Amino acid sequence: MKKVTVQYRFENVINPRDNEPGVLFGDKVLVTEEGFGLYQAIKTDNPNVVIVDLDENVTDHLAENPTFLIDLIVSDPGGGSFVQA
């Protein structure tokens, strides 16, 4: 578990105004700006920044399964693999 800056890619553009803090859980990131959401995180060269690529994957794992975050915390909060940007 780690606090990171979340960047969003939409229509192949990352707008810094959309950046927000998030909490990284393995290869997922929890965000809270417009309600809670848990998205696939993409690793960047900066270990304190991840990308949520809305062009490729808009799945909000909390919306689909509200207990997913609890399962993630209990199973392996520091593990997981990343997709490299």
C-alpha atoms as a PDB file:
ATOM      1  CA  MET A   1       0.000   0.000   0.000  1.00  0.00           C
ATOM      2  CA  LYS A   2       1.465   3.351  -1.068  1.00  0.00           C
ATOM      3  CA  LYS A   3       0.223   6.889  -1.752  1.00  0.00           C
ATOM      4  CA  VAL A   4       0.779   7.868  -5.411  1.00  0.00           C
ATOM      5  CA  THR A   5      -0.244  10.475  -7.944  1.00  0.00           C
ATOM      6  CA  VAL A   6      -2.763   9.122 -10.438  1.00  0.00           C
ATOM      7  CA  GLN A   7      -2.707  10.363 -14.019  1.00  0.00           C
ATOM      8  CA  TYR A   8      -5.588   9.567 -16.360  1.00  0.00           C
ATOM      9  CA  ARG A   9      -5.111   8.831 -20.052  1.00  0.00           C
ATOM     10  CA  PHE A  10      -8.229   9.621 -22.101  1.00  0.00           C
ATOM     11  CA  GLU A  11      -8.277   9.818 -25.885  1.00  0.00           C
ATOM     12  CA  ASN A  12      -4.511   9.258 -25.721  1.00  0.00           C
ATOM     13  CA  VAL A  13      -3.995  12.473 -23.699  1.00  0.00           C
ATOM     14  CA  ILE A  14      -2.906  12.901 -20.084  1.00  0.00           C
ATOM     15  CA  ASN A  15      -4.140  16.212 -18.684  1.00  0.00           C
ATOM     16  CA  PRO A  16      -2.259  17.226 -15.495  1.00  0.00           C
ATOM     17  CA  ARG A  17      -5.397  19.028 -14.243  1.00  0.00           C
ATOM     18  CA  ASP A  18      -7.022  15.614 -13.842  1.00  0.00           C
ATOM     19  CA  ASN A  19      -4.246  14.229 -11.626  1.00  0.00           C
ATOM     20  CA  GLU A  20      -5.304  13.158  -8.153  1.00  0.00           C
ATOM     21  CA  PRO A  21      -3.862  11.303  -5.185  1.00  0.00           C
ATOM     22  CA  GLY A  22      -4.518   7.604  -4.890  1.00  0.00           C
ATOM     23  CA  VAL A  23      -3.509   4.574  -2.874  1.00  0.00           C
ATOM     24  CA  LEU A  24      -1.699   1.823  -4.741  1.00  0.00           C
ATOM     25  CA  PHE A  25      -2.628  -1.766  -3.866  1.00  0.00           C
ATOM     26  CA  GLY A  26      -0.466  -4.088  -5.945  1.00  0.00           C
ATOM     27  CA  ASP A  27      -1.536  -3.410  -9.529  1.00  0.00           C
ATOM     28  CA  LYS A  28      -4.729  -1.508  -8.599  1.00  0.00           C
ATOM     29  CA  VAL A  29      -5.148   2.099  -7.442  1.00  0.00           C
ATOM     30  CA  LEU A  30      -7.877   3.456  -5.167  1.00  0.00           C
ATOM     31  CA  VAL A  31      -9.088   6.967  -6.011  1.00  0.00           C
ATOM     32  CA  THR A  32     -11.665   9.120  -4.237  1.00  0.00           C
ATOM     33  CA  GLU A  33     -12.096  12.369  -6.211  1.00  0.00           C
ATOM     34  CA  GLU A  34     -15.564  11.602  -7.619  1.00  0.00           C
ATOM     35  CA  GLY A  35     -16.526   8.841  -5.209  1.00  0.00           C
ATOM     36  CA  PHE A  36     -14.497   5.729  -4.565  1.00  0.00           C
ATOM     37  CA  GLY A  37     -13.072   3.791  -7.495  1.00  0.00           C
ATOM     38  CA  LEU A  38     -10.490   1.039  -7.893  1.00  0.00           C
ATOM     39  CA  TYR A  39      -8.764   0.858 -11.273  1.00  0.00           C
ATOM     40  CA  GLN A  40      -5.962  -1.003 -13.004  1.00  0.00           C
ATOM     41  CA  ALA A  41      -2.701   0.916 -12.449  1.00  0.00           C
ATOM     42  CA  ILE A  42       0.041   1.205 -15.039  1.00  0.00           C
ATOM     43  CA  LYS A  43       3.558   1.687 -13.737  1.00  0.00           C
ATOM     44  CA  THR A  44       5.578   4.693 -14.948  1.00  0.00           C
ATOM     45  CA  ASP A  45       9.268   5.559 -14.700  1.00  0.00           C
ATOM     46  CA  ASN A  46       8.415   7.554 -11.577  1.00  0.00           C
ATOM     47  CA  PRO A  47       7.594   5.133  -8.714  1.00  0.00           C
ATOM     48  CA  ASN A  48       5.266   7.752  -7.200  1.00  0.00           C
ATOM     49  CA  VAL A  49       3.090   8.099 -10.325  1.00  0.00           C
ATOM     50  CA  VAL A  50       0.734   5.608 -11.996  1.00  0.00           C
ATOM     51  CA  ILE A  51      -1.527   5.893 -15.017  1.00  0.00           C
ATOM     52  CA  VAL A  52      -5.147   4.818 -15.302  1.00  0.00           C
ATOM     53  CA  ASP A  53      -5.659   4.275 -19.026  1.00  0.00           C
ATOM     54  CA  LEU A  54      -9.320   5.007 -19.702  1.00  0.00           C
ATOM     55  CA  ASP A  55      -8.787   4.295 -23.398  1.00  0.00           C
ATOM     56  CA  GLU A  56      -7.933   0.667 -22.662  1.00  0.00           C
ATOM     57  CA  ASN A  57      -9.674  -0.238 -19.399  1.00  0.00           C
ATOM     58  CA  VAL A  58     -12.479   1.664 -17.683  1.00  0.00           C
ATOM     59  CA  THR A  59     -13.319  -1.137 -15.270  1.00  0.00           C
ATOM     60  CA  ASP A  60     -14.034   0.120 -11.768  1.00  0.00           C
ATOM     61  CA  HIS A  61     -13.441  -2.972  -9.657  1.00  0.00           C
ATOM     62  CA  LEU A  62     -15.340  -1.504  -6.683  1.00  0.00           C
ATOM     63  CA  ALA A  63     -18.441  -0.838  -8.757  1.00  0.00           C
ATOM     64  CA  GLU A  64     -18.391  -4.426  -9.999  1.00  0.00           C
ATOM     65  CA  ASN A  65     -17.588  -5.952  -6.603  1.00  0.00           C
ATOM     66  CA  PRO A  66     -17.720  -3.698  -3.519  1.00  0.00           C
ATOM     67  CA  THR A  67     -15.832  -6.232  -1.375  1.00  0.00           C
ATOM     68  CA  PHE A  68     -12.921  -6.393  -3.856  1.00  0.00           C
ATOM     69  CA  LEU A  69     -10.925  -3.797  -1.893  1.00  0.00           C
ATOM     70  CA  ILE A  70     -11.253  -5.762   1.331  1.00  0.00           C
ATOM     71  CA  ASP A  71     -10.148  -8.933  -0.448  1.00  0.00           C
ATOM     72  CA  LEU A  72      -7.205  -7.077  -1.992  1.00  0.00           C
ATOM     73  CA  ILE A  73      -6.018  -5.653   1.331  1.00  0.00           C
ATOM     74  CA  VAL A  74      -6.221  -9.004   3.073  1.00  0.00           C
ATOM     75  CA  SER A  75      -4.640 -11.052   0.266  1.00  0.00           C
ATOM     76  CA  ASP A  76      -1.480  -9.140  -0.695  1.00  0.00           C
ATOM     77  CA  PRO A  77      -1.476  -5.343  -0.254  1.00  0.00           C
ATOM     78  CA  GLY A  78       2.137  -4.883  -1.379  1.00  0.00           C
ATOM     79  CA  GLY A  79       2.326  -7.429  -4.153  1.00  0.00           C
ATOM     80  CA  GLY A  80       0.986  -7.673  -7.632  1.00  0.00           C
ATOM     81  CA  SER A  81       2.398  -6.972 -11.025  1.00  0.00           C
ATOM     82  CA  PHE A  82       2.215  -3.940 -13.239  1.00  0.00           C
ATOM     83  CA  VAL A  83       1.721  -3.175 -16.859  1.00  0.00           C
ATOM     84  CA  GLN A  84       4.598  -0.936 -17.980  1.00  0.00           C
ATOM     85  CA  ALA A  85       3.609   2.336 -19.661  1.00  0.00           C
END
